[in-house]
């Protein structure tokens, strides 16, 4: 076999290097695609489950305290993100006064978006809520055109036109049509689009007042949900949901995390039968809360 000369060796080495680089690049691309796919699936599952749970609670239990439910969910989000930040799992920006001042207009729209979503879910079925949410894309596209001089091609406008047609035809053929629910959902569409557009304007200013010069997703979650708590309490008083918040559902549901935390923190020995008994007692408390809510209404 003829030995390789220097030029052939360099050429062969270059080919091997390129092949190795191509393999490494394709591996990174595959890993990024997998991460994006997992993130998308996680988002879909969490988003769908939240909508379905909210719809179930607001409709099935005749629960007339959507703001209280929103406040509870936001409080849980604050606790989870703060705990992860405390243990160094994630990094968040400190909530300074300057950052709060910059972010407050965005947060007011954020709270309005959540509240109107809760109110619309009480009256409209989940399928129609999903269809009507497409109107948000139309409002956002128009807002981008006027506020940011962003132009969309004909394919985008064609898709948006189909969304409008589907929303109108869905509303006309909706057998469970409820004017109040549709009014809340349309308001929610405008607030959601306003939140997206306002967020784009405020982000650059918000980054300038942070210590790191950046504002990641976890910091935004912590900022939005923390600032929403006092606004939520005010809205609870305005919409007269104090009785629901204090004496019924929250008073019963808080026993569930309390019982679990007590078993885990103090390493209480338990059996399957004992766990079933505890679960039975907790469910009895939830059914009691449901009965009290229906009695009040």
C-alpha atoms as a PDB file:
ATOM      1  CA  UNK A   1       0.000   0.000   0.000  1.00  0.00           C
ATOM      2  CA  UNK A   2       1.356   3.400  -0.973  1.00  0.00           C
ATOM      3  CA  UNK A   3       2.213   5.588   2.063  1.00  0.00           C
ATOM      4  CA  UNK A   4       0.580   9.005   2.341  1.00  0.00           C
ATOM      5  CA  UNK A   5       2.732  11.965   1.510  1.00  0.00           C
ATOM      6  CA  UNK A   6       2.706  15.178   3.570  1.00  0.00           C
ATOM      7  CA  UNK A   7       0.165  16.891   1.330  1.00  0.00           C
ATOM      8  CA  UNK A   8      -2.125  13.881   1.407  1.00  0.00           C
ATOM      9  CA  UNK A   9      -1.796  13.654   5.185  1.00  0.00           C
ATOM     10  CA  UNK A  10      -2.756  17.302   5.616  1.00  0.00           C
ATOM     11  CA  UNK A  11      -5.721  16.845   3.284  1.00  0.00           C
ATOM     12  CA  UNK A  12      -6.863  13.731   5.117  1.00  0.00           C
ATOM     13  CA  UNK A  13      -6.452  15.474   8.480  1.00  0.00           C
ATOM     14  CA  UNK A  14      -8.460  18.435   7.251  1.00  0.00           C
ATOM     15  CA  UNK A  15     -11.272  16.158   6.128  1.00  0.00           C
ATOM     16  CA  UNK A  16     -11.313  14.370   9.475  1.00  0.00           C
ATOM     17  CA  UNK A  17     -11.376  17.703  11.301  1.00  0.00           C
ATOM     18  CA  UNK A  18     -14.279  18.945   9.197  1.00  0.00           C
ATOM     19  CA  UNK A  19     -16.178  15.688   9.707  1.00  0.00           C
ATOM     20  CA  UNK A  20     -15.601  15.882  13.451  1.00  0.00           C
ATOM     21  CA  UNK A  21     -16.720  19.517  13.528  1.00  0.00           C
ATOM     22  CA  UNK A  22     -19.801  18.686  11.453  1.00  0.00           C
ATOM     23  CA  UNK A  23     -20.669  15.812  13.806  1.00  0.00           C
ATOM     24  CA  UNK A  24     -20.241  18.037  16.872  1.00  0.00           C
ATOM     25  CA  UNK A  25     -22.372  20.771  15.319  1.00  0.00           C
ATOM     26  CA  UNK A  26     -25.136  18.340  14.366  1.00  0.00           C
ATOM     27  CA  UNK A  27     -25.059  16.896  17.898  1.00  0.00           C
ATOM     28  CA  UNK A  28     -25.470  20.355  19.403  1.00  0.00           C
ATOM     29  CA  UNK A  29     -28.295  21.148  16.990  1.00  0.00           C
ATOM     30  CA  UNK A  30     -30.048  17.884  17.887  1.00  0.00           C
ATOM     31  CA  UNK A  31     -29.670  18.662  21.596  1.00  0.00           C
ATOM     32  CA  UNK A  32     -31.066  22.181  21.114  1.00  0.00           C
ATOM     33  CA  UNK A  33     -34.018  20.789  19.149  1.00  0.00           C
ATOM     34  CA  UNK A  34     -34.709  18.276  21.933  1.00  0.00           C
ATOM     35  CA  UNK A  35     -34.578  20.998  24.583  1.00  0.00           C
ATOM     36  CA  UNK A  36     -36.908  23.188  22.530  1.00  0.00           C
ATOM     37  CA  UNK A  37     -39.292  20.254  22.040  1.00  0.00           C
ATOM     38  CA  UNK A  38     -39.315  19.432  25.763  1.00  0.00           C
ATOM     39  CA  UNK A  39     -39.834  23.091  26.664  1.00  0.00           C
ATOM     40  CA  UNK A  40     -42.709  23.329  24.200  1.00  0.00           C
ATOM     41  CA  UNK A  41     -44.352  20.180  25.544  1.00  0.00           C
ATOM     42  CA  UNK A  42     -43.941  21.374  29.139  1.00  0.00           C
ATOM     43  CA  UNK A  43     -45.479  24.737  28.241  1.00  0.00           C
ATOM     44  CA  UNK A  44     -48.415  23.094  26.454  1.00  0.00           C
ATOM     45  CA  UNK A  45     -49.087  20.744  29.364  1.00  0.00           C
ATOM     46  CA  UNK A  46     -48.902  23.460  32.022  1.00  0.00           C
ATOM     47  CA  UNK A  47     -50.972  25.928  29.987  1.00  0.00           C
ATOM     48  CA  UNK A  48     -53.685  23.381  29.142  1.00  0.00           C
ATOM     49  CA  UNK A  49     -53.836  21.995  32.674  1.00  0.00           C
ATOM     50  CA  UNK A  50     -54.139  25.487  34.183  1.00  0.00           C
ATOM     51  CA  UNK A  51     -57.009  26.429  31.864  1.00  0.00           C
ATOM     52  CA  UNK A  52     -58.825  23.143  32.494  1.00  0.00           C
ATOM     53  CA  UNK A  53     -58.374  23.323  36.278  1.00  0.00           C
ATOM     54  CA  UNK A  54     -59.535  26.945  36.398  1.00  0.00           C
ATOM     55  CA  UNK A  55     -62.558  26.103  34.248  1.00  0.00           C
ATOM     56  CA  UNK A  56     -63.389  23.110  36.452  1.00  0.00           C
ATOM     57  CA  UNK A  57     -63.154  25.116  39.679  1.00  0.00           C
ATOM     58  CA  UNK A  58     -65.026  28.171  38.385  1.00  0.00           C
ATOM     59  CA  UNK A  59     -67.851  26.233  36.697  1.00  0.00           C
ATOM     60  CA  UNK A  60     -68.249  22.876  38.415  1.00  0.00           C
ATOM     61  CA  UNK A  61     -68.042  24.205  41.962  1.00  0.00           C
ATOM     62  CA  UNK A  62     -70.062  27.363  41.251  1.00  0.00           C
ATOM     63  CA  UNK A  63     -67.051  29.243  42.607  1.00  0.00           C
ATOM     64  CA  UNK A  64     -67.642  32.992  42.343  1.00  0.00           C
ATOM     65  CA  UNK A  65     -64.188  34.089  43.455  1.00  0.00           C
ATOM     66  CA  UNK A  66     -61.943  34.049  40.400  1.00  0.00           C
ATOM     67  CA  UNK A  67     -59.709  36.813  41.761  1.00  0.00           C
ATOM     68  CA  UNK A  68     -59.078  34.821  44.931  1.00  0.00           C
ATOM     69  CA  UNK A  69     -58.103  31.828  42.805  1.00  0.00           C
ATOM     70  CA  UNK A  70     -55.729  34.045  40.798  1.00  0.00           C
ATOM     71  CA  UNK A  71     -54.205  35.418  44.004  1.00  0.00           C
ATOM     72  CA  UNK A  72     -53.631  31.908  45.345  1.00  0.00           C
ATOM     73  CA  UNK A  73     -51.930  30.767  42.127  1.00  0.00           C
ATOM     74  CA  UNK A  74     -49.713  33.857  41.993  1.00  0.00           C
ATOM     75  CA  UNK A  75     -48.719  33.376  45.631  1.00  0.00           C
ATOM     76  CA  UNK A  76     -47.712  29.777  44.896  1.00  0.00           C
ATOM     77  CA  UNK A  77     -45.610  31.009  41.949  1.00  0.00           C
ATOM     78  CA  UNK A  78     -43.838  33.551  44.166  1.00  0.00           C
ATOM     79  CA  UNK A  79     -43.090  30.890  46.800  1.00  0.00           C
ATOM     80  CA  UNK A  80     -41.710  28.412  44.234  1.00  0.00           C
ATOM     81  CA  UNK A  81     -39.501  30.943  42.403  1.00  0.00           C
ATOM     82  CA  UNK A  82     -38.261  32.498  45.667  1.00  0.00           C
ATOM     83  CA  UNK A  83     -37.386  29.065  47.070  1.00  0.00           C
ATOM     84  CA  UNK A  84     -35.475  28.059  43.930  1.00  0.00           C
ATOM     85  CA  UNK A  85     -33.635  31.384  43.983  1.00  0.00           C
ATOM     86  CA  UNK A  86     -32.810  30.994  47.681  1.00  0.00           C
ATOM     87  CA  UNK A  87     -31.179  27.603  47.091  1.00  0.00           C
ATOM     88  CA  UNK A  88     -29.257  28.873  44.070  1.00  0.00           C
ATOM     89  CA  UNK A  89     -31.082  26.741  41.514  1.00  0.00           C
ATOM     90  CA  UNK A  90     -32.040  29.840  39.515  1.00  0.00           C
ATOM     91  CA  UNK A  91     -30.937  33.472  39.549  1.00  0.00           C
ATOM     92  CA  UNK A  92     -33.328  36.392  39.950  1.00  0.00           C
ATOM     93  CA  UNK A  93     -32.899  40.143  40.092  1.00  0.00           C
ATOM     94  CA  UNK A  94     -33.575  41.927  43.412  1.00  0.00           C
ATOM     95  CA  UNK A  95     -36.833  43.896  43.417  1.00  0.00           C
ATOM     96  CA  UNK A  96     -35.595  47.469  43.724  1.00  0.00           C
ATOM     97  CA  UNK A  97     -37.828  50.535  43.923  1.00  0.00           C
ATOM     98  CA  UNK A  98     -36.679  51.783  40.511  1.00  0.00           C
ATOM     99  CA  UNK A  99     -37.465  48.430  38.904  1.00  0.00           C
ATOM    100  CA  UNK A 100     -40.911  48.351  40.507  1.00  0.00           C
ATOM    101  CA  UNK A 101     -41.678  51.881  39.236  1.00  0.00           C
ATOM    102  CA  UNK A 102     -40.713  50.918  35.701  1.00  0.00           C
ATOM    103  CA  UNK A 103     -42.608  47.626  35.803  1.00  0.00           C
ATOM    104  CA  UNK A 104     -45.813  48.761  37.529  1.00  0.00           C
ATOM    105  CA  UNK A 105     -47.725  49.765  34.335  1.00  0.00           C
ATOM    106  CA  UNK A 106     -46.941  46.359  32.825  1.00  0.00           C
ATOM    107  CA  UNK A 107     -48.079  44.634  36.006  1.00  0.00           C
ATOM    108  CA  UNK A 108     -51.418  46.460  36.102  1.00  0.00           C
ATOM    109  CA  UNK A 109     -52.149  45.172  32.596  1.00  0.00           C
ATOM    110  CA  UNK A 110     -50.893  41.717  33.642  1.00  0.00           C
ATOM    111  CA  UNK A 111     -53.351  41.556  36.550  1.00  0.00           C
ATOM    112  CA  UNK A 112     -56.186  42.776  34.333  1.00  0.00           C
ATOM    113  CA  UNK A 113     -55.306  40.074  31.822  1.00  0.00           C
ATOM    114  CA  UNK A 114     -55.480  37.337  34.475  1.00  0.00           C
ATOM    115  CA  UNK A 115     -58.693  38.634  36.054  1.00  0.00           C
ATOM    116  CA  UNK A 116     -60.585  38.933  32.763  1.00  0.00           C
ATOM    117  CA  UNK A 117     -59.385  35.453  31.809  1.00  0.00           C
ATOM    118  CA  UNK A 118     -60.850  34.059  35.041  1.00  0.00           C
ATOM    119  CA  UNK A 119     -64.166  35.859  34.503  1.00  0.00           C
ATOM    120  CA  UNK A 120     -64.502  34.703  30.892  1.00  0.00           C
ATOM    121  CA  UNK A 121     -63.745  31.069  31.770  1.00  0.00           C
ATOM    122  CA  UNK A 122     -66.700  31.019  34.134  1.00  0.00           C
ATOM    123  CA  UNK A 123     -69.162  31.649  31.289  1.00  0.00           C
ATOM    124  CA  UNK A 124     -67.513  30.313  28.102  1.00  0.00           C
ATOM    125  CA  UNK A 125     -66.466  26.784  27.228  1.00  0.00           C
ATOM    126  CA  UNK A 126     -62.757  26.051  26.854  1.00  0.00           C
ATOM    127  CA  UNK A 127     -62.919  25.461  23.088  1.00  0.00           C
ATOM    128  CA  UNK A 128     -64.427  28.894  22.416  1.00  0.00           C
ATOM    129  CA  UNK A 129     -61.975  30.573  24.784  1.00  0.00           C
ATOM    130  CA  UNK A 130     -59.151  29.043  22.738  1.00  0.00           C
ATOM    131  CA  UNK A 131     -60.671  30.216  19.451  1.00  0.00           C
ATOM    132  CA  UNK A 132     -61.379  33.728  20.728  1.00  0.00           C
ATOM    133  CA  UNK A 133     -57.826  34.060  22.038  1.00  0.00           C
ATOM    134  CA  UNK A 134     -56.714  34.128  18.399  1.00  0.00           C
ATOM    135  CA  UNK A 135     -58.166  37.642  18.207  1.00  0.00           C
ATOM    136  CA  UNK A 136     -55.239  38.658  20.431  1.00  0.00           C
ATOM    137  CA  UNK A 137     -52.876  37.893  17.545  1.00  0.00           C
ATOM    138  CA  UNK A 138     -54.826  40.244  15.271  1.00  0.00           C
ATOM    139  CA  UNK A 139     -54.730  43.094  17.799  1.00  0.00           C
ATOM    140  CA  UNK A 140     -51.025  42.508  18.452  1.00  0.00           C
ATOM    141  CA  UNK A 141     -50.213  42.545  14.729  1.00  0.00           C
ATOM    142  CA  UNK A 142     -52.058  45.838  14.242  1.00  0.00           C
ATOM    143  CA  UNK A 143     -50.349  47.288  17.317  1.00  0.00           C
ATOM    144  CA  UNK A 144     -46.916  46.256  16.030  1.00  0.00           C
ATOM    145  CA  UNK A 145     -47.667  47.948  12.734  1.00  0.00           C
ATOM    146  CA  UNK A 146     -48.594  51.293  14.314  1.00  0.00           C
ATOM    147  CA  UNK A 147     -46.267  51.326  17.342  1.00  0.00           C
ATOM    148  CA  UNK A 148     -43.139  49.657  15.958  1.00  0.00           C
ATOM    149  CA  UNK A 149     -43.625  50.169  12.192  1.00  0.00           C
ATOM    150  CA  UNK A 150     -43.456  46.427  11.671  1.00  0.00           C
ATOM    151  CA  UNK A 151     -44.917  45.218   8.385  1.00  0.00           C
ATOM    152  CA  UNK A 152     -46.364  41.739   7.908  1.00  0.00           C
ATOM    153  CA  UNK A 153     -46.607  39.927   4.585  1.00  0.00           C
ATOM    154  CA  UNK A 154     -49.815  38.771   2.929  1.00  0.00           C
ATOM    155  CA  UNK A 155     -49.541  35.252   4.335  1.00  0.00           C
ATOM    156  CA  UNK A 156     -49.629  36.593   7.897  1.00  0.00           C
ATOM    157  CA  UNK A 157     -52.634  38.786   7.181  1.00  0.00           C
ATOM    158  CA  UNK A 158     -54.342  35.863   5.447  1.00  0.00           C
ATOM    159  CA  UNK A 159     -53.869  33.693   8.538  1.00  0.00           C
ATOM    160  CA  UNK A 160     -55.117  36.499  10.791  1.00  0.00           C
ATOM    161  CA  UNK A 161     -58.183  36.930   8.558  1.00  0.00           C
ATOM    162  CA  UNK A 162     -58.958  33.226   8.963  1.00  0.00           C
ATOM    163  CA  UNK A 163     -58.669  33.638  12.749  1.00  0.00           C
ATOM    164  CA  UNK A 164     -61.222  36.454  12.666  1.00  0.00           C
ATOM    165  CA  UNK A 165     -63.602  34.382  10.537  1.00  0.00           C
ATOM    166  CA  UNK A 166     -63.269  31.395  12.889  1.00  0.00           C
ATOM    167  CA  UNK A 167     -63.930  33.571  15.945  1.00  0.00           C
ATOM    168  CA  UNK A 168     -67.034  35.156  14.377  1.00  0.00           C
ATOM    169  CA  UNK A 169     -68.443  31.863  13.075  1.00  0.00           C
ATOM    170  CA  UNK A 170     -67.685  30.183  16.395  1.00  0.00           C
ATOM    171  CA  UNK A 171     -69.545  32.876  18.305  1.00  0.00           C
ATOM    172  CA  UNK A 172     -72.559  32.722  15.986  1.00  0.00           C
ATOM    173  CA  UNK A 173     -72.825  28.932  16.236  1.00  0.00           C
ATOM    174  CA  UNK A 174     -72.033  28.716  19.965  1.00  0.00           C
ATOM    175  CA  UNK A 175     -75.011  26.981  21.584  1.00  0.00           C
ATOM    176  CA  UNK A 176     -73.890  28.109  25.044  1.00  0.00           C
ATOM    177  CA  UNK A 177     -73.353  31.744  24.008  1.00  0.00           C
ATOM    178  CA  UNK A 178     -73.105  34.104  26.984  1.00  0.00           C
ATOM    179  CA  UNK A 179     -72.808  37.836  26.296  1.00  0.00           C
ATOM    180  CA  UNK A 180     -71.089  38.579  29.612  1.00  0.00           C
ATOM    181  CA  UNK A 181     -68.496  35.872  29.019  1.00  0.00           C
ATOM    182  CA  UNK A 182     -67.780  37.100  25.493  1.00  0.00           C
ATOM    183  CA  UNK A 183     -67.419  40.674  26.754  1.00  0.00           C
ATOM    184  CA  UNK A 184     -64.860  39.550  29.330  1.00  0.00           C
ATOM    185  CA  UNK A 185     -62.976  37.487  26.732  1.00  0.00           C
ATOM    186  CA  UNK A 186     -62.804  40.335  24.203  1.00  0.00           C
ATOM    187  CA  UNK A 187     -61.523  42.599  26.979  1.00  0.00           C
ATOM    188  CA  UNK A 188     -58.976  39.910  27.798  1.00  0.00           C
ATOM    189  CA  UNK A 189     -57.797  39.859  24.175  1.00  0.00           C
ATOM    190  CA  UNK A 190     -57.152  43.614  24.223  1.00  0.00           C
ATOM    191  CA  UNK A 191     -55.366  43.413  27.585  1.00  0.00           C
ATOM    192  CA  UNK A 192     -53.223  40.453  26.481  1.00  0.00           C
ATOM    193  CA  UNK A 193     -52.169  42.295  23.321  1.00  0.00           C
ATOM    194  CA  UNK A 194     -51.514  45.446  25.365  1.00  0.00           C
ATOM    195  CA  UNK A 195     -49.370  43.436  27.780  1.00  0.00           C
ATOM    196  CA  UNK A 196     -47.270  42.040  24.932  1.00  0.00           C
ATOM    197  CA  UNK A 197     -46.794  45.447  23.285  1.00  0.00           C
ATOM    198  CA  UNK A 198     -46.125  47.308  26.538  1.00  0.00           C
ATOM    199  CA  UNK A 199     -43.668  44.642  27.643  1.00  0.00           C
ATOM    200  CA  UNK A 200     -41.666  45.177  24.475  1.00  0.00           C
ATOM    201  CA  UNK A 201     -41.418  48.904  25.200  1.00  0.00           C
ATOM    202  CA  UNK A 202     -40.574  48.546  28.883  1.00  0.00           C
ATOM    203  CA  UNK A 203     -38.004  45.729  28.683  1.00  0.00           C
ATOM    204  CA  UNK A 204     -35.074  47.924  27.599  1.00  0.00           C
ATOM    205  CA  UNK A 205     -35.769  50.454  30.354  1.00  0.00           C
ATOM    206  CA  UNK A 206     -36.206  47.703  32.941  1.00  0.00           C
ATOM    207  CA  UNK A 207     -32.848  46.141  32.034  1.00  0.00           C
ATOM    208  CA  UNK A 208     -31.131  49.476  32.616  1.00  0.00           C
ATOM    209  CA  UNK A 209     -32.314  49.708  36.240  1.00  0.00           C
ATOM    210  CA  UNK A 210     -31.312  46.152  37.204  1.00  0.00           C
ATOM    211  CA  UNK A 211     -27.980  45.426  38.871  1.00  0.00           C
ATOM    212  CA  UNK A 212     -26.860  42.924  36.239  1.00  0.00           C
ATOM    213  CA  UNK A 213     -28.198  44.875  33.270  1.00  0.00           C
ATOM    214  CA  UNK A 214     -30.414  41.950  32.341  1.00  0.00           C
ATOM    215  CA  UNK A 215     -33.882  40.641  33.211  1.00  0.00           C
ATOM    216  CA  UNK A 216     -34.376  36.902  32.738  1.00  0.00           C
ATOM    217  CA  UNK A 217     -37.646  34.980  32.626  1.00  0.00           C
ATOM    218  CA  UNK A 218     -37.526  33.932  36.284  1.00  0.00           C
ATOM    219  CA  UNK A 219     -37.067  37.547  37.381  1.00  0.00           C
ATOM    220  CA  UNK A 220     -40.063  38.546  35.275  1.00  0.00           C
ATOM    221  CA  UNK A 221     -42.188  35.791  36.836  1.00  0.00           C
ATOM    222  CA  UNK A 222     -41.152  36.866  40.335  1.00  0.00           C
ATOM    223  CA  UNK A 223     -41.702  40.549  39.549  1.00  0.00           C
ATOM    224  CA  UNK A 224     -45.114  40.070  37.929  1.00  0.00           C
ATOM    225  CA  UNK A 225     -46.510  37.739  40.570  1.00  0.00           C
ATOM    226  CA  UNK A 226     -45.108  39.644  43.564  1.00  0.00           C
ATOM    227  CA  UNK A 227     -46.527  42.970  42.392  1.00  0.00           C
ATOM    228  CA  UNK A 228     -49.843  41.296  41.567  1.00  0.00           C
ATOM    229  CA  UNK A 229     -50.422  40.272  45.208  1.00  0.00           C
ATOM    230  CA  UNK A 230     -51.346  43.720  46.629  1.00  0.00           C
ATOM    231  CA  UNK A 231     -53.377  44.510  43.509  1.00  0.00           C
ATOM    232  CA  UNK A 232     -55.174  41.188  43.898  1.00  0.00           C
ATOM    233  CA  UNK A 233     -56.035  41.925  47.535  1.00  0.00           C
ATOM    234  CA  UNK A 234     -57.476  45.309  46.508  1.00  0.00           C
ATOM    235  CA  UNK A 235     -59.581  43.687  43.767  1.00  0.00           C
ATOM    236  CA  UNK A 236     -60.821  41.049  46.218  1.00  0.00           C
ATOM    237  CA  UNK A 237     -62.148  43.835  48.434  1.00  0.00           C
ATOM    238  CA  UNK A 238     -63.643  45.715  45.464  1.00  0.00           C
ATOM    239  CA  UNK A 239     -65.455  42.627  44.116  1.00  0.00           C
ATOM    240  CA  UNK A 240     -66.474  41.497  47.618  1.00  0.00           C
ATOM    241  CA  UNK A 241     -64.657  38.152  47.610  1.00  0.00           C
ATOM    242  CA  UNK A 242     -63.333  38.460  51.158  1.00  0.00           C
ATOM    243  CA  UNK A 243     -65.742  35.840  52.553  1.00  0.00           C
ATOM    244  CA  UNK A 244     -64.657  33.302  49.957  1.00  0.00           C
ATOM    245  CA  UNK A 245     -60.987  33.982  50.581  1.00  0.00           C
ATOM    246  CA  UNK A 246     -61.088  33.772  54.363  1.00  0.00           C
ATOM    247  CA  UNK A 247     -63.712  31.270  55.415  1.00  0.00           C
ATOM    248  CA  UNK A 248     -64.203  28.706  52.656  1.00  0.00           C
ATOM    249  CA  UNK A 249     -61.959  27.334  49.943  1.00  0.00           C
ATOM    250  CA  UNK A 250     -58.574  28.676  51.040  1.00  0.00           C
ATOM    251  CA  UNK A 251     -59.271  27.716  54.640  1.00  0.00           C
ATOM    252  CA  UNK A 252     -59.795  24.113  53.579  1.00  0.00           C
ATOM    253  CA  UNK A 253     -57.207  23.790  50.826  1.00  0.00           C
ATOM    254  CA  UNK A 254     -54.367  25.071  52.989  1.00  0.00           C
ATOM    255  CA  UNK A 255     -54.617  21.849  54.995  1.00  0.00           C
ATOM    256  CA  UNK A 256     -53.374  19.845  52.002  1.00  0.00           C
ATOM    257  CA  UNK A 257     -49.878  21.392  51.648  1.00  0.00           C
ATOM    258  CA  UNK A 258     -49.702  21.704  55.442  1.00  0.00           C
ATOM    259  CA  UNK A 259     -50.286  17.972  55.943  1.00  0.00           C
ATOM    260  CA  UNK A 260     -47.805  16.975  53.243  1.00  0.00           C
ATOM    261  CA  UNK A 261     -45.165  19.389  54.548  1.00  0.00           C
ATOM    262  CA  UNK A 262     -45.636  18.098  58.096  1.00  0.00           C
ATOM    263  CA  UNK A 263     -45.077  14.492  57.031  1.00  0.00           C
ATOM    264  CA  UNK A 264     -42.005  15.321  54.934  1.00  0.00           C
ATOM    265  CA  UNK A 265     -40.325  17.819  57.267  1.00  0.00           C
ATOM    266  CA  UNK A 266     -40.742  15.836  60.483  1.00  0.00           C
ATOM    267  CA  UNK A 267     -40.205  12.420  58.821  1.00  0.00           C
ATOM    268  CA  UNK A 268     -43.438  11.015  60.213  1.00  0.00           C
ATOM    269  CA  UNK A 269     -43.684   7.218  59.739  1.00  0.00           C
ATOM    270  CA  UNK A 270     -46.857   6.410  57.843  1.00  0.00           C
ATOM    271  CA  UNK A 271     -48.525   3.489  56.102  1.00  0.00           C
ATOM    272  CA  UNK A 272     -50.672   3.208  53.003  1.00  0.00           C
ATOM    273  CA  UNK A 273     -53.822   2.909  55.125  1.00  0.00           C
ATOM    274  CA  UNK A 274     -52.869   5.963  57.195  1.00  0.00           C
ATOM    275  CA  UNK A 275     -52.083   8.008  54.078  1.00  0.00           C
ATOM    276  CA  UNK A 276     -55.447   7.017  52.605  1.00  0.00           C
ATOM    277  CA  UNK A 277     -57.177   8.142  55.805  1.00  0.00           C
ATOM    278  CA  UNK A 278     -55.391  11.499  55.712  1.00  0.00           C
ATOM    279  CA  UNK A 279     -56.308  11.959  52.049  1.00  0.00           C
ATOM    280  CA  UNK A 280     -59.924  11.052  52.816  1.00  0.00           C
ATOM    281  CA  UNK A 281     -60.032  13.682  55.565  1.00  0.00           C
ATOM    282  CA  UNK A 282     -58.529  16.346  53.308  1.00  0.00           C
ATOM    283  CA  UNK A 283     -61.042  15.588  50.550  1.00  0.00           C
ATOM    284  CA  UNK A 284     -63.830  15.820  53.111  1.00  0.00           C
ATOM    285  CA  UNK A 285     -62.603  19.328  53.944  1.00  0.00           C
ATOM    286  CA  UNK A 286     -62.653  20.281  50.263  1.00  0.00           C
ATOM    287  CA  UNK A 287     -66.208  18.941  49.833  1.00  0.00           C
ATOM    288  CA  UNK A 288     -67.230  20.891  52.924  1.00  0.00           C
ATOM    289  CA  UNK A 289     -65.832  24.064  51.349  1.00  0.00           C
ATOM    290  CA  UNK A 290     -67.747  23.284  48.163  1.00  0.00           C
ATOM    291  CA  UNK A 291     -70.988  22.811  50.114  1.00  0.00           C
ATOM    292  CA  UNK A 292     -70.462  26.102  51.966  1.00  0.00           C
ATOM    293  CA  UNK A 293     -69.833  27.966  48.711  1.00  0.00           C
ATOM    294  CA  UNK A 294     -73.044  26.604  47.163  1.00  0.00           C
ATOM    295  CA  UNK A 295     -74.938  27.414  50.332  1.00  0.00           C
ATOM    296  CA  UNK A 296     -73.782  31.038  50.160  1.00  0.00           C
ATOM    297  CA  UNK A 297     -74.697  31.352  46.490  1.00  0.00           C
END
